[in-house]
mmCIF file of all heavy atoms, coordinates in Angstrom:
data_MODEL
# 
_entry.id   MODEL 
# 
loop_
_atom_site.group_PDB 
_atom_site.id 
_atom_site.type_symbol 
_atom_site.label_atom_id 
_atom_site.label_alt_id 
_atom_site.label_comp_id 
_atom_site.label_asym_id 
_atom_site.label_entity_id 
_atom_site.label_seq_id 
_atom_site.pdbx_PDB_ins_code 
_atom_site.Cartn_x 
_atom_site.Cartn_y 
_atom_site.Cartn_z 
_atom_site.occupancy 
_atom_site.B_iso_or_equiv 
_atom_site.pdbx_formal_charge 
_atom_site.auth_seq_id 
_atom_site.auth_comp_id 
_atom_site.auth_asym_id 
_atom_site.auth_atom_id 
_atom_site.pdbx_PDB_model_num 
ATOM 1   N N   . LEU A 1 1  ? 18.274 7.434   3.753   1.00 0.00 ? 1  LEU A N   1 
ATOM 2   C CA  . LEU A 1 1  ? 18.375 5.970   3.689   1.00 0.00 ? 1  LEU A CA  1 
ATOM 3   C C   . LEU A 1 1  ? 16.968 5.299   3.803   1.00 0.00 ? 1  LEU A C   1 
ATOM 4   O O   . LEU A 1 1  ? 16.702 4.337   3.071   1.00 0.00 ? 1  LEU A O   1 
ATOM 5   C CB  . LEU A 1 1  ? 19.322 5.425   4.742   1.00 0.00 ? 1  LEU A CB  1 
ATOM 6   C CG  . LEU A 1 1  ? 20.773 5.812   4.562   1.00 0.00 ? 1  LEU A CG  1 
ATOM 7   C CD1 . LEU A 1 1  ? 21.606 5.383   5.727   1.00 0.00 ? 1  LEU A CD1 1 
ATOM 8   C CD2 . LEU A 1 1  ? 21.317 5.154   3.251   1.00 0.00 ? 1  LEU A CD2 1 
ATOM 9   N N   . VAL A 1 2  ? 16.159 5.858   4.637   1.00 0.00 ? 2  VAL A N   1 
ATOM 10  C CA  . VAL A 1 2  ? 14.790 5.314   4.786   1.00 0.00 ? 2  VAL A CA  1 
ATOM 11  C C   . VAL A 1 2  ? 14.054 5.466   3.454   1.00 0.00 ? 2  VAL A C   1 
ATOM 12  O O   . VAL A 1 2  ? 13.364 4.518   3.000   1.00 0.00 ? 2  VAL A O   1 
ATOM 13  C CB  . VAL A 1 2  ? 14.009 5.956   5.937   1.00 0.00 ? 2  VAL A CB  1 
ATOM 14  C CG1 . VAL A 1 2  ? 12.518 5.685   5.879   1.00 0.00 ? 2  VAL A CG1 1 
ATOM 15  C CG2 . VAL A 1 2  ? 14.598 5.550   7.254   1.00 0.00 ? 2  VAL A CG2 1 
ATOM 16  N N   . VAL A 1 3  ? 14.162 6.600   2.823   1.00 0.00 ? 3  VAL A N   1 
ATOM 17  C CA  . VAL A 1 3  ? 13.469 6.815   1.533   1.00 0.00 ? 3  VAL A CA  1 
ATOM 18  C C   . VAL A 1 3  ? 14.059 5.924   0.475   1.00 0.00 ? 3  VAL A C   1 
ATOM 19  O O   . VAL A 1 3  ? 13.308 5.429   -0.399  1.00 0.00 ? 3  VAL A O   1 
ATOM 20  C CB  . VAL A 1 3  ? 13.522 8.327   1.147   1.00 0.00 ? 3  VAL A CB  1 
ATOM 21  C CG1 . VAL A 1 3  ? 12.864 8.520   -0.216  1.00 0.00 ? 3  VAL A CG1 1 
ATOM 22  C CG2 . VAL A 1 3  ? 12.783 9.175   2.175   1.00 0.00 ? 3  VAL A CG2 1 
ATOM 23  N N   . VAL A 1 4  ? 15.363 5.688   0.484   1.00 0.00 ? 4  VAL A N   1 
ATOM 24  C CA  . VAL A 1 4  ? 15.964 4.727   -0.478  1.00 0.00 ? 4  VAL A CA  1 
ATOM 25  C C   . VAL A 1 4  ? 15.373 3.327   -0.288  1.00 0.00 ? 4  VAL A C   1 
ATOM 26  O O   . VAL A 1 4  ? 15.070 2.633   -1.263  1.00 0.00 ? 4  VAL A O   1 
ATOM 27  C CB  . VAL A 1 4  ? 17.522 4.770   -0.344  1.00 0.00 ? 4  VAL A CB  1 
ATOM 28  C CG1 . VAL A 1 4  ? 18.136 3.569   -1.093  1.00 0.00 ? 4  VAL A CG1 1 
ATOM 29  C CG2 . VAL A 1 4  ? 18.106 6.049   -0.840  1.00 0.00 ? 4  VAL A CG2 1 
ATOM 30  N N   . VAL A 1 5  ? 15.216 2.906   0.983   1.00 0.00 ? 5  VAL A N   1 
ATOM 31  C CA  . VAL A 1 5  ? 14.619 1.607   1.233   1.00 0.00 ? 5  VAL A CA  1 
ATOM 32  C C   . VAL A 1 5  ? 13.171 1.612   0.743   1.00 0.00 ? 5  VAL A C   1 
ATOM 33  O O   . VAL A 1 5  ? 12.720 0.609   0.098   1.00 0.00 ? 5  VAL A O   1 
ATOM 34  C CB  . VAL A 1 5  ? 14.694 1.265   2.749   1.00 0.00 ? 5  VAL A CB  1 
ATOM 35  C CG1 . VAL A 1 5  ? 13.789 0.065   3.095   1.00 0.00 ? 5  VAL A CG1 1 
ATOM 36  C CG2 . VAL A 1 5  ? 16.098 1.044   3.168   1.00 0.00 ? 5  VAL A CG2 1 
ATOM 37  N N   . MET A 1 6  ? 12.427 2.658   1.020   1.00 0.00 ? 6  MET A N   1 
ATOM 38  C CA  . MET A 1 6  ? 11.026 2.761   0.561   1.00 0.00 ? 6  MET A CA  1 
ATOM 39  C C   . MET A 1 6  ? 10.965 2.723   -1.008  1.00 0.00 ? 6  MET A C   1 
ATOM 40  O O   . MET A 1 6  ? 10.042 2.129   -1.589  1.00 0.00 ? 6  MET A O   1 
ATOM 41  C CB  . MET A 1 6  ? 10.362 4.044   1.069   1.00 0.00 ? 6  MET A CB  1 
ATOM 42  C CG  . MET A 1 6  ? 10.279 4.116   2.585   1.00 0.00 ? 6  MET A CG  1 
ATOM 43  S SD  . MET A 1 6  ? 9.273  2.776   3.249   1.00 0.00 ? 6  MET A SD  1 
ATOM 44  C CE  . MET A 1 6  ? 7.666  3.396   2.834   1.00 0.00 ? 6  MET A CE  1 
ATOM 45  N N   . ARG A 1 7  ? 11.960 3.321   -1.649  1.00 0.00 ? 7  ARG A N   1 
ATOM 46  C CA  . ARG A 1 7  ? 12.025 3.286   -3.107  1.00 0.00 ? 7  ARG A CA  1 
ATOM 47  C C   . ARG A 1 7  ? 12.236 1.857   -3.591  1.00 0.00 ? 7  ARG A C   1 
ATOM 48  O O   . ARG A 1 7  ? 11.595 1.401   -4.555  1.00 0.00 ? 7  ARG A O   1 
ATOM 49  C CB  . ARG A 1 7  ? 13.171 4.177   -3.627  1.00 0.00 ? 7  ARG A CB  1 
ATOM 50  C CG  . ARG A 1 7  ? 13.210 4.256   -5.134  1.00 0.00 ? 7  ARG A CG  1 
ATOM 51  C CD  . ARG A 1 7  ? 14.471 5.006   -5.594  1.00 0.00 ? 7  ARG A CD  1 
ATOM 52  N NE  . ARG A 1 7  ? 14.453 5.292   -6.989  1.00 0.00 ? 7  ARG A NE  1 
ATOM 53  C CZ  . ARG A 1 7  ? 14.596 4.416   -7.983  1.00 0.00 ? 7  ARG A CZ  1 
ATOM 54  N NH1 . ARG A 1 7  ? 14.793 3.121   -7.667  1.00 0.00 ? 7  ARG A NH1 1 
ATOM 55  N NH2 . ARG A 1 7  ? 14.570 4.788   -9.244  1.00 0.00 ? 7  ARG A NH2 1 
ATOM 56  N N   . GLY A 1 8  ? 13.030 1.078   -2.874  1.00 0.00 ? 8  GLY A N   1 
ATOM 57  C CA  . GLY A 1 8  ? 13.239 -0.300  -3.173  1.00 0.00 ? 8  GLY A CA  1 
ATOM 58  C C   . GLY A 1 8  ? 11.974 -1.100  -3.023  1.00 0.00 ? 8  GLY A C   1 
ATOM 59  O O   . GLY A 1 8  ? 11.634 -1.982  -3.857  1.00 0.00 ? 8  GLY A O   1 
ATOM 60  N N   . LEU A 1 9  ? 11.200 -0.813  -1.978  1.00 0.00 ? 9  LEU A N   1 
ATOM 61  C CA  . LEU A 1 9  ? 9.914  -1.486  -1.797  1.00 0.00 ? 9  LEU A CA  1 
ATOM 62  C C   . LEU A 1 9  ? 8.932  -1.145  -2.888  1.00 0.00 ? 9  LEU A C   1 
ATOM 63  O O   . LEU A 1 9  ? 8.192  -1.978  -3.354  1.00 0.00 ? 9  LEU A O   1 
ATOM 64  C CB  . LEU A 1 9  ? 9.361  -1.139  -0.409  1.00 0.00 ? 9  LEU A CB  1 
ATOM 65  C CG  . LEU A 1 9  ? 10.141 -1.660  0.795   1.00 0.00 ? 9  LEU A CG  1 
ATOM 66  C CD1 . LEU A 1 9  ? 9.566  -1.100  2.093   1.00 0.00 ? 9  LEU A CD1 1 
ATOM 67  C CD2 . LEU A 1 9  ? 10.132 -3.197  0.822   1.00 0.00 ? 9  LEU A CD2 1 
ATOM 68  N N   . LEU A 1 10 ? 8.942  0.167   -3.290  1.00 0.00 ? 10 LEU A N   1 
ATOM 69  C CA  . LEU A 1 10 ? 8.081  0.568   -4.382  1.00 0.00 ? 10 LEU A CA  1 
ATOM 70  C C   . LEU A 1 10 ? 8.481  -0.121  -5.692  1.00 0.00 ? 10 LEU A C   1 
ATOM 71  O O   . LEU A 1 10 ? 7.595  -0.569  -6.452  1.00 0.00 ? 10 LEU A O   1 
ATOM 72  C CB  . LEU A 1 10 ? 8.200  2.102   -4.589  1.00 0.00 ? 10 LEU A CB  1 
ATOM 73  C CG  . LEU A 1 10 ? 7.349  2.694   -5.715  1.00 0.00 ? 10 LEU A CG  1 
ATOM 74  C CD1 . LEU A 1 10 ? 5.878  2.445   -5.473  1.00 0.00 ? 10 LEU A CD1 1 
ATOM 75  C CD2 . LEU A 1 10 ? 7.641  4.189   -5.853  1.00 0.00 ? 10 LEU A CD2 1 
ATOM 76  N N   . ARG A 1 11 ? 9.753  -0.332  -5.905  1.00 0.00 ? 11 ARG A N   1 
ATOM 77  C CA  . ARG A 1 11 ? 10.257 -1.032  -7.099  1.00 0.00 ? 11 ARG A CA  1 
ATOM 78  C C   . ARG A 1 11 ? 9.735  -2.457  -7.061  1.00 0.00 ? 11 ARG A C   1 
ATOM 79  O O   . ARG A 1 11 ? 9.237  -2.996  -8.077  1.00 0.00 ? 11 ARG A O   1 
ATOM 80  C CB  . ARG A 1 11 ? 11.753 -0.974  -7.131  1.00 0.00 ? 11 ARG A CB  1 
ATOM 81  C CG  . ARG A 1 11 ? 12.426 -1.887  -8.157  1.00 0.00 ? 11 ARG A CG  1 
ATOM 82  C CD  . ARG A 1 11 ? 12.325 -1.444  -9.570  1.00 0.00 ? 11 ARG A CD  1 
ATOM 83  N NE  . ARG A 1 11 ? 12.964 -0.191  -9.816  1.00 0.00 ? 11 ARG A NE  1 
ATOM 84  C CZ  . ARG A 1 11 ? 12.664 0.609   -10.811 1.00 0.00 ? 11 ARG A CZ  1 
ATOM 85  N NH1 . ARG A 1 11 ? 11.719 0.271   -11.697 1.00 0.00 ? 11 ARG A NH1 1 
ATOM 86  N NH2 . ARG A 1 11 ? 13.269 1.771   -10.976 1.00 0.00 ? 11 ARG A NH2 1 
ATOM 87  N N   . GLN A 1 12 ? 9.844  -3.130  -5.903  1.00 0.00 ? 12 GLN A N   1 
ATOM 88  C CA  . GLN A 1 12 ? 9.365  -4.515  -5.800  1.00 0.00 ? 12 GLN A CA  1 
ATOM 89  C C   . GLN A 1 12 ? 7.880  -4.617  -6.013  1.00 0.00 ? 12 GLN A C   1 
ATOM 90  O O   . GLN A 1 12 ? 7.391  -5.506  -6.729  1.00 0.00 ? 12 GLN A O   1 
ATOM 91  C CB  . GLN A 1 12 ? 9.745  -5.100  -4.447  1.00 0.00 ? 12 GLN A CB  1 
ATOM 92  C CG  . GLN A 1 12 ? 11.213 -5.420  -4.289  1.00 0.00 ? 12 GLN A CG  1 
ATOM 93  C CD  . GLN A 1 12 ? 11.506 -5.989  -2.897  1.00 0.00 ? 12 GLN A CD  1 
ATOM 94  O OE1 . GLN A 1 12 ? 10.731 -5.820  -1.974  1.00 0.00 ? 12 GLN A OE1 1 
ATOM 95  N NE2 . GLN A 1 12 ? 12.680 -6.600  -2.783  1.00 0.00 ? 12 GLN A NE2 1 
ATOM 96  N N   . ALA A 1 13 ? 7.121  -3.698  -5.400  1.00 0.00 ? 13 ALA A N   1 
ATOM 97  C CA  . ALA A 1 13 ? 5.677  -3.722  -5.577  1.00 0.00 ? 13 ALA A CA  1 
ATOM 98  C C   . ALA A 1 13 ? 5.269  -3.468  -6.989  1.00 0.00 ? 13 ALA A C   1 
ATOM 99  O O   . ALA A 1 13 ? 4.326  -4.060  -7.532  1.00 0.00 ? 13 ALA A O   1 
ATOM 100 C CB  . ALA A 1 13 ? 5.022  -2.666  -4.606  1.00 0.00 ? 13 ALA A CB  1 
ATOM 101 N N   . THR A 1 14 ? 5.968  -2.560  -7.645  1.00 0.00 ? 14 THR A N   1 
ATOM 102 C CA  . THR A 1 14 ? 5.684  -2.268  -9.056  1.00 0.00 ? 14 THR A CA  1 
ATOM 103 C C   . THR A 1 14 ? 5.954  -3.494  -9.933  1.00 0.00 ? 14 THR A C   1 
ATOM 104 O O   . THR A 1 14 ? 5.121  -3.813  -10.793 1.00 0.00 ? 14 THR A O   1 
ATOM 105 C CB  . THR A 1 14 ? 6.546  -1.074  -9.536  1.00 0.00 ? 14 THR A CB  1 
ATOM 106 O OG1 . THR A 1 14 ? 6.254  0.029   -8.725  1.00 0.00 ? 14 THR A OG1 1 
ATOM 107 C CG2 . THR A 1 14 ? 6.262  -0.716  -10.992 1.00 0.00 ? 14 THR A CG2 1 
ATOM 108 N N   . GLN A 1 15 ? 7.053  -4.148  -9.674  1.00 0.00 ? 15 GLN A N   1 
ATOM 109 C CA  . GLN A 1 15 ? 7.376  -5.362  -10.432 1.00 0.00 ? 15 GLN A CA  1 
ATOM 110 C C   . GLN A 1 15 ? 6.342  -6.464  -10.188 1.00 0.00 ? 15 GLN A C   1 
ATOM 111 O O   . GLN A 1 15 ? 5.910  -7.109  -11.110 1.00 0.00 ? 15 GLN A O   1 
ATOM 112 C CB  . GLN A 1 15 ? 8.787  -5.866  -10.058 1.00 0.00 ? 15 GLN A CB  1 
ATOM 113 C CG  . GLN A 1 15 ? 9.257  -7.043  -10.911 1.00 0.00 ? 15 GLN A CG  1 
ATOM 114 C CD  . GLN A 1 15 ? 9.326  -6.693  -12.384 1.00 0.00 ? 15 GLN A CD  1 
ATOM 115 O OE1 . GLN A 1 15 ? 9.851  -5.633  -12.753 1.00 0.00 ? 15 GLN A OE1 1 
ATOM 116 N NE2 . GLN A 1 15 ? 8.799  -7.549  -13.230 1.00 0.00 ? 15 GLN A NE2 1 
ATOM 117 N N   . LEU A 1 16 ? 5.933  -6.639  -8.920  1.00 0.00 ? 16 LEU A N   1 
ATOM 118 C CA  . LEU A 1 16 ? 4.942  -7.673  -8.610  1.00 0.00 ? 16 LEU A CA  1 
ATOM 119 C C   . LEU A 1 16 ? 3.607  -7.347  -9.281  1.00 0.00 ? 16 LEU A C   1 
ATOM 120 O O   . LEU A 1 16 ? 2.940  -8.240  -9.800  1.00 0.00 ? 16 LEU A O   1 
ATOM 121 C CB  . LEU A 1 16 ? 4.750  -7.760  -7.091  1.00 0.00 ? 16 LEU A CB  1 
ATOM 122 C CG  . LEU A 1 16 ? 5.908  -8.459  -6.333  1.00 0.00 ? 16 LEU A CG  1 
ATOM 123 C CD1 . LEU A 1 16 ? 5.647  -8.315  -4.834  1.00 0.00 ? 16 LEU A CD1 1 
ATOM 124 C CD2 . LEU A 1 16 ? 6.042  -9.877  -6.750  1.00 0.00 ? 16 LEU A CD2 1 
ATOM 125 N N   . ARG A 1 17 ? 3.245  -6.078  -9.359  1.00 0.00 ? 17 ARG A N   1 
ATOM 126 C CA  . ARG A 1 17 ? 1.996  -5.715  -9.978  1.00 0.00 ? 17 ARG A CA  1 
ATOM 127 C C   . ARG A 1 17 ? 2.071  -5.950  -11.472 1.00 0.00 ? 17 ARG A C   1 
ATOM 128 O O   . ARG A 1 17 ? 1.109  -6.431  -12.072 1.00 0.00 ? 17 ARG A O   1 
ATOM 129 C CB  . ARG A 1 17 ? 1.661  -4.241  -9.697  1.00 0.00 ? 17 ARG A CB  1 
ATOM 130 C CG  . ARG A 1 17 ? 0.308  -3.827  -10.213 1.00 0.00 ? 17 ARG A CG  1 
ATOM 131 C CD  . ARG A 1 17 ? -0.138 -2.542  -9.651  1.00 0.00 ? 17 ARG A CD  1 
ATOM 132 N NE  . ARG A 1 17 ? -1.508 -2.332  -10.064 1.00 0.00 ? 17 ARG A NE  1 
ATOM 133 C CZ  . ARG A 1 17 ? -2.214 -1.291  -9.693  1.00 0.00 ? 17 ARG A CZ  1 
ATOM 134 N NH1 . ARG A 1 17 ? -1.667 -0.384  -8.906  1.00 0.00 ? 17 ARG A NH1 1 
ATOM 135 N NH2 . ARG A 1 17 ? -3.441 -1.130  -10.066 1.00 0.00 ? 17 ARG A NH2 1 
ATOM 136 N N   . GLN A 1 18 ? 3.210  -5.641  -12.063 1.00 0.00 ? 18 GLN A N   1 
ATOM 137 C CA  . GLN A 1 18 ? 3.366  -5.912  -13.512 1.00 0.00 ? 18 GLN A CA  1 
ATOM 138 C C   . GLN A 1 18 ? 3.322  -7.389  -13.799 1.00 0.00 ? 18 GLN A C   1 
ATOM 139 O O   . GLN A 1 18 ? 2.673  -7.828  -14.771 1.00 0.00 ? 18 GLN A O   1 
ATOM 140 C CB  . GLN A 1 18 ? 4.658  -5.311  -13.998 1.00 0.00 ? 18 GLN A CB  1 
ATOM 141 C CG  . GLN A 1 18 ? 4.657  -3.809  -14.081 1.00 0.00 ? 18 GLN A CG  1 
ATOM 142 C CD  . GLN A 1 18 ? 6.034  -3.219  -14.419 1.00 0.00 ? 18 GLN A CD  1 
ATOM 143 O OE1 . GLN A 1 18 ? 7.026  -3.913  -14.499 1.00 0.00 ? 18 GLN A OE1 1 
ATOM 144 N NE2 . GLN A 1 18 ? 6.071  -1.899  -14.624 1.00 0.00 ? 18 GLN A NE2 1 
ATOM 145 N N   . ASP A 1 19 ? 3.976  -8.181  -12.954 1.00 0.00 ? 19 ASP A N   1 
ATOM 146 C CA  . ASP A 1 19 ? 3.975  -9.636  -13.123 1.00 0.00 ? 19 ASP A CA  1 
ATOM 147 C C   . ASP A 1 19 ? 2.553  -10.184 -12.993 1.00 0.00 ? 19 ASP A C   1 
ATOM 148 O O   . ASP A 1 19 ? 2.105  -11.036 -13.742 1.00 0.00 ? 19 ASP A O   1 
ATOM 149 C CB  . ASP A 1 19 ? 4.888  -10.325 -12.124 1.00 0.00 ? 19 ASP A CB  1 
ATOM 150 C CG  . ASP A 1 19 ? 6.352  -10.038 -12.381 1.00 0.00 ? 19 ASP A CG  1 
ATOM 151 O OD1 . ASP A 1 19 ? 6.684  -9.516  -13.449 1.00 0.00 ? 19 ASP A OD1 1 
ATOM 152 O OD2 . ASP A 1 19 ? 7.176  -10.315 -11.439 1.00 0.00 ? 19 ASP A OD2 1 
ATOM 153 N N   . LEU A 1 20 ? 1.794  -9.668  -11.995 1.00 0.00 ? 20 LEU A N   1 
ATOM 154 C CA  . LEU A 1 20 ? 0.461  -10.138 -11.761 1.00 0.00 ? 20 LEU A CA  1 
ATOM 155 C C   . LEU A 1 20 ? -0.462 -9.739  -12.906 1.00 0.00 ? 20 LEU A C   1 
ATOM 156 O O   . LEU A 1 20 ? -1.326 -10.538 -13.348 1.00 0.00 ? 20 LEU A O   1 
ATOM 157 C CB  . LEU A 1 20 ? -0.093 -9.543  -10.449 1.00 0.00 ? 20 LEU A CB  1 
ATOM 158 C CG  . LEU A 1 20 ? -1.451 -10.063 -9.981  1.00 0.00 ? 20 LEU A CG  1 
ATOM 159 C CD1 . LEU A 1 20 ? -1.445 -11.532 -9.779  1.00 0.00 ? 20 LEU A CD1 1 
ATOM 160 C CD2 . LEU A 1 20 ? -1.878 -9.317  -8.729  1.00 0.00 ? 20 LEU A CD2 1 
ATOM 161 N N   . SER A 1 21 ? -0.269 -8.550  -13.492 1.00 0.00 ? 21 SER A N   1 
ATOM 162 C CA  . SER A 1 21 ? -1.108 -8.161  -14.620 1.00 0.00 ? 21 SER A CA  1 
ATOM 163 C C   . SER A 1 21 ? -0.836 -9.003  -15.887 1.00 0.00 ? 21 SER A C   1 
ATOM 164 O O   . SER A 1 21 ? -1.749 -9.237  -16.683 1.00 0.00 ? 21 SER A O   1 
ATOM 165 C CB  . SER A 1 21 ? -0.910 -6.676  -14.938 1.00 0.00 ? 21 SER A CB  1 
ATOM 166 O OG  . SER A 1 21 ? 0.367  -6.454  -15.444 1.00 0.00 ? 21 SER A OG  1 
ATOM 167 N N   . GLU A 1 22 ? 0.376  -9.496  -15.994 1.00 0.00 ? 22 GLU A N   1 
ATOM 168 C CA  . GLU A 1 22 ? 0.697  -10.379 -17.112 1.00 0.00 ? 22 GLU A CA  1 
ATOM 169 C C   . GLU A 1 22 ? 0.094  -11.746 -16.966 1.00 0.00 ? 22 GLU A C   1 
ATOM 170 O O   . GLU A 1 22 ? -0.359 -12.362 -17.911 1.00 0.00 ? 22 GLU A O   1 
ATOM 171 C CB  . GLU A 1 22 ? 2.230  -10.527 -17.272 1.00 0.00 ? 22 GLU A CB  1 
ATOM 172 C CG  . GLU A 1 22 ? 2.905  -9.268  -17.743 1.00 0.00 ? 22 GLU A CG  1 
ATOM 173 C CD  . GLU A 1 22 ? 4.449  -9.422  -17.711 1.00 0.00 ? 22 GLU A CD  1 
ATOM 174 O OE1 . GLU A 1 22 ? 4.934  -10.529 -17.490 1.00 0.00 ? 22 GLU A OE1 1 
ATOM 175 O OE2 . GLU A 1 22 ? 5.113  -8.393  -17.942 1.00 0.00 ? 22 GLU A OE2 1 
ATOM 176 N N   . VAL A 1 23 ? -0.048 -12.202 -15.696 1.00 0.00 ? 23 VAL A N   1 
ATOM 177 C CA  . VAL A 1 23 ? -0.655 -13.494 -15.410 1.00 0.00 ? 23 VAL A CA  1 
ATOM 178 C C   . VAL A 1 23 ? -2.158 -13.414 -15.644 1.00 0.00 ? 23 VAL A C   1 
ATOM 179 O O   . VAL A 1 23 ? -2.719 -14.333 -16.238 1.00 0.00 ? 23 VAL A O   1 
ATOM 180 C CB  . VAL A 1 23 ? -0.334 -13.946 -13.966 1.00 0.00 ? 23 VAL A CB  1 
ATOM 181 C CG1 . VAL A 1 23 ? -1.155 -15.153 -13.629 1.00 0.00 ? 23 VAL A CG1 1 
ATOM 182 C CG2 . VAL A 1 23 ? 1.120  -14.230 -13.817 1.00 0.00 ? 23 VAL A CG2 1 
ATOM 183 N N   . VAL A 1 24 ? -2.750 -12.318 -15.217 1.00 0.00 ? 24 VAL A N   1 
ATOM 184 C CA  . VAL A 1 24 ? -4.205 -12.198 -15.360 1.00 0.00 ? 24 VAL A CA  1 
ATOM 185 C C   . VAL A 1 24 ? -4.494 -11.828 -16.776 1.00 0.00 ? 24 VAL A C   1 
ATOM 186 O O   . VAL A 1 24 ? -5.210 -12.295 -17.488 1.00 0.00 ? 24 VAL A O   1 
ATOM 187 C CB  . VAL A 1 24 ? -4.750 -11.106 -14.419 1.00 0.00 ? 24 VAL A CB  1 
ATOM 188 C CG1 . VAL A 1 24 ? -6.200 -10.889 -14.618 1.00 0.00 ? 24 VAL A CG1 1 
ATOM 189 C CG2 . VAL A 1 24 ? -4.452 -11.488 -13.002 1.00 0.00 ? 24 VAL A CG2 1 
# 
């Protein structure tokens, strides 16, 4: 369950990074 939560955090960070790269 902890790794599943960490996977969710990785998903959010990946999405934020993609969004940021589109803005820049």
